[in-house]
Amino acid sequence: MPEVWIPTLMRSLSAGQDRVQVEGSNVRQVIENLDKQFPGMKQRLMEDGRLMPGISVIVDGQQSQLGLLERLEQASEVHFLPAIGGGL
């Protein structure tokens, strides 16, 4: 079952857990199941059926080019990274 790393700003929704096991064969299914386990996650990660602007998905150490359609293996590691603002 894929392991999802919960961003610090979303840990209040996961009762403080930083990693959880969630079923799904792609990122969309993982988000749907994550929201069933921890209501409110989907709202923080998706908007109008898409990933929120500024959210990147990292699967097994690689930034996903397919977003919600990215296929996952049973041992996949999934990270949702919010954009970091700033600059010169």
C-alpha atoms as a PDB file:
ATOM      1  CA  MET A   1       0.000   0.000   0.000  1.00  0.00           C
ATOM      2  CA  PRO A   2       1.489   3.412  -0.937  1.00  0.00           C
ATOM      3  CA  GLU A   3       2.887   5.508   1.892  1.00  0.00           C
ATOM      4  CA  VAL A   4       1.864   9.179   1.905  1.00  0.00           C
ATOM      5  CA  TRP A   5       3.982  11.764   3.675  1.00  0.00           C
ATOM      6  CA  ILE A   6       1.712  14.427   5.136  1.00  0.00           C
ATOM      7  CA  PRO A   7       2.944  18.039   4.796  1.00  0.00           C
ATOM      8  CA  THR A   8       3.450  19.804   8.119  1.00  0.00           C
ATOM      9  CA  LEU A   9       0.623  22.275   7.444  1.00  0.00           C
ATOM     10  CA  MET A  10      -1.856  19.401   6.939  1.00  0.00           C
ATOM     11  CA  ARG A  11      -0.937  17.289   9.957  1.00  0.00           C
ATOM     12  CA  SER A  12      -3.777  18.749  12.001  1.00  0.00           C
ATOM     13  CA  LEU A  13      -6.065  16.784   9.649  1.00  0.00           C
ATOM     14  CA  SER A  14      -4.125  13.543  10.170  1.00  0.00           C
ATOM     15  CA  ALA A  15      -4.052  13.728  13.984  1.00  0.00           C
ATOM     16  CA  GLY A  16      -0.388  14.735  13.807  1.00  0.00           C
ATOM     17  CA  GLN A  17       0.733  11.733  11.771  1.00  0.00           C
ATOM     18  CA  ASP A  18       3.512  12.517   9.334  1.00  0.00           C
ATOM     19  CA  ARG A  19       3.119   9.318   7.262  1.00  0.00           C
ATOM     20  CA  VAL A  20       0.115   7.130   6.537  1.00  0.00           C
ATOM     21  CA  GLN A  21      -0.592   4.074   4.415  1.00  0.00           C
ATOM     22  CA  VAL A  22      -3.336   4.695   1.841  1.00  0.00           C
ATOM     23  CA  GLU A  23      -4.708   2.414  -0.862  1.00  0.00           C
ATOM     24  CA  GLY A  24      -4.720   3.528  -4.476  1.00  0.00           C
ATOM     25  CA  SER A  25      -3.187   2.671  -7.815  1.00  0.00           C
ATOM     26  CA  ASN A  26      -2.798   6.335  -8.842  1.00  0.00           C
ATOM     27  CA  VAL A  27      -2.499   9.704  -7.109  1.00  0.00           C
ATOM     28  CA  ARG A  28      -6.196  10.559  -7.574  1.00  0.00           C
ATOM     29  CA  GLN A  29      -7.287   7.352  -5.822  1.00  0.00           C
ATOM     30  CA  VAL A  30      -4.824   7.973  -3.003  1.00  0.00           C
ATOM     31  CA  ILE A  31      -6.246  11.479  -2.450  1.00  0.00           C
ATOM     32  CA  GLU A  32      -9.824  10.127  -2.473  1.00  0.00           C
ATOM     33  CA  ASN A  33      -8.933   7.438   0.079  1.00  0.00           C
ATOM     34  CA  LEU A  34      -6.846   9.849   2.128  1.00  0.00           C
ATOM     35  CA  ASP A  35      -9.899  12.114   2.370  1.00  0.00           C
ATOM     36  CA  LYS A  36     -12.060   9.189   3.555  1.00  0.00           C
ATOM     37  CA  GLN A  37      -9.534   8.508   6.301  1.00  0.00           C
ATOM     38  CA  PHE A  38      -8.892  12.186   7.108  1.00  0.00           C
ATOM     39  CA  PRO A  39     -11.743  14.439   5.950  1.00  0.00           C
ATOM     40  CA  GLY A  40     -10.564  17.754   4.535  1.00  0.00           C
ATOM     41  CA  MET A  41      -7.421  16.450   2.835  1.00  0.00           C
ATOM     42  CA  LYS A  42      -8.956  16.485  -0.633  1.00  0.00           C
ATOM     43  CA  GLN A  43     -10.087  20.084  -0.190  1.00  0.00           C
ATOM     44  CA  ARG A  44      -6.501  21.083   0.672  1.00  0.00           C
ATOM     45  CA  LEU A  45      -4.970  19.167  -2.270  1.00  0.00           C
ATOM     46  CA  MET A  46      -7.499  19.512  -5.100  1.00  0.00           C
ATOM     47  CA  GLU A  47      -9.639  22.186  -6.725  1.00  0.00           C
ATOM     48  CA  ASP A  48     -12.126  21.635  -9.554  1.00  0.00           C
ATOM     49  CA  GLY A  49     -10.924  18.059 -10.053  1.00  0.00           C
ATOM     50  CA  ARG A  50      -7.260  19.081 -10.377  1.00  0.00           C
ATOM     51  CA  LEU A  51      -4.318  19.443  -8.058  1.00  0.00           C
ATOM     52  CA  MET A  52      -4.316  22.816  -6.367  1.00  0.00           C
ATOM     53  CA  PRO A  53      -2.047  25.353  -8.043  1.00  0.00           C
ATOM     54  CA  GLY A  54       1.266  25.339  -6.263  1.00  0.00           C
ATOM     55  CA  ILE A  55       1.086  21.699  -5.114  1.00  0.00           C
ATOM     56  CA  SER A  56       3.661  19.310  -6.551  1.00  0.00           C
ATOM     57  CA  VAL A  57       3.449  15.538  -6.298  1.00  0.00           C
ATOM     58  CA  ILE A  58       6.635  13.596  -5.749  1.00  0.00           C
ATOM     59  CA  VAL A  59       6.389   9.832  -6.328  1.00  0.00           C
ATOM     60  CA  ASP A  60       9.322   7.639  -5.391  1.00  0.00           C
ATOM     61  CA  GLY A  61      11.659  10.630  -5.372  1.00  0.00           C
ATOM     62  CA  GLN A  62      10.644  11.985  -8.800  1.00  0.00           C
ATOM     63  CA  GLN A  63       8.391  14.957  -9.497  1.00  0.00           C
ATOM     64  CA  SER A  64       5.281  13.672 -11.226  1.00  0.00           C
ATOM     65  CA  GLN A  65       4.582  14.930 -14.714  1.00  0.00           C
ATOM     66  CA  LEU A  66       1.193  13.173 -14.769  1.00  0.00           C
ATOM     67  CA  GLY A  67      -0.183  14.613 -11.525  1.00  0.00           C
ATOM     68  CA  LEU A  68      -3.376  12.833 -10.483  1.00  0.00           C
ATOM     69  CA  LEU A  69      -2.894  10.167 -13.147  1.00  0.00           C
ATOM     70  CA  GLU A  70       0.554   9.113 -11.920  1.00  0.00           C
ATOM     71  CA  ARG A  71       0.528   5.350 -11.372  1.00  0.00           C
ATOM     72  CA  LEU A  72       1.634   4.001  -8.022  1.00  0.00           C
ATOM     73  CA  GLU A  73       3.109   0.712  -6.903  1.00  0.00           C
ATOM     74  CA  GLN A  74       2.258  -0.968  -3.606  1.00  0.00           C
ATOM     75  CA  ALA A  75       5.557   0.259  -2.142  1.00  0.00           C
ATOM     76  CA  SER A  76       5.399   3.786  -3.611  1.00  0.00           C
ATOM     77  CA  GLU A  77       6.201   6.803  -1.485  1.00  0.00           C
ATOM     78  CA  VAL A  78       4.071   9.890  -2.194  1.00  0.00           C
ATOM     79  CA  HIS A  79       4.846  13.450  -1.104  1.00  0.00           C
ATOM     80  CA  PHE A  80       2.636  16.507  -1.620  1.00  0.00           C
ATOM     81  CA  LEU A  81       4.824  19.588  -1.600  1.00  0.00           C
ATOM     82  CA  PRO A  82       3.381  23.084  -1.370  1.00  0.00           C
ATOM     83  CA  ALA A  83       5.112  25.737  -3.440  1.00  0.00           C
ATOM     84  CA  ILE A  84       7.682  27.787  -1.613  1.00  0.00           C
ATOM     85  CA  GLY A  85       7.348  31.498  -2.263  1.00  0.00           C
ATOM     86  CA  GLY A  86      10.024  34.093  -2.096  1.00  0.00           C
ATOM     87  CA  GLY A  87      12.935  35.250  -4.122  1.00  0.00           C
ATOM     88  CA  LEU A  88      14.943  38.343  -4.728  1.00  0.00           C
END
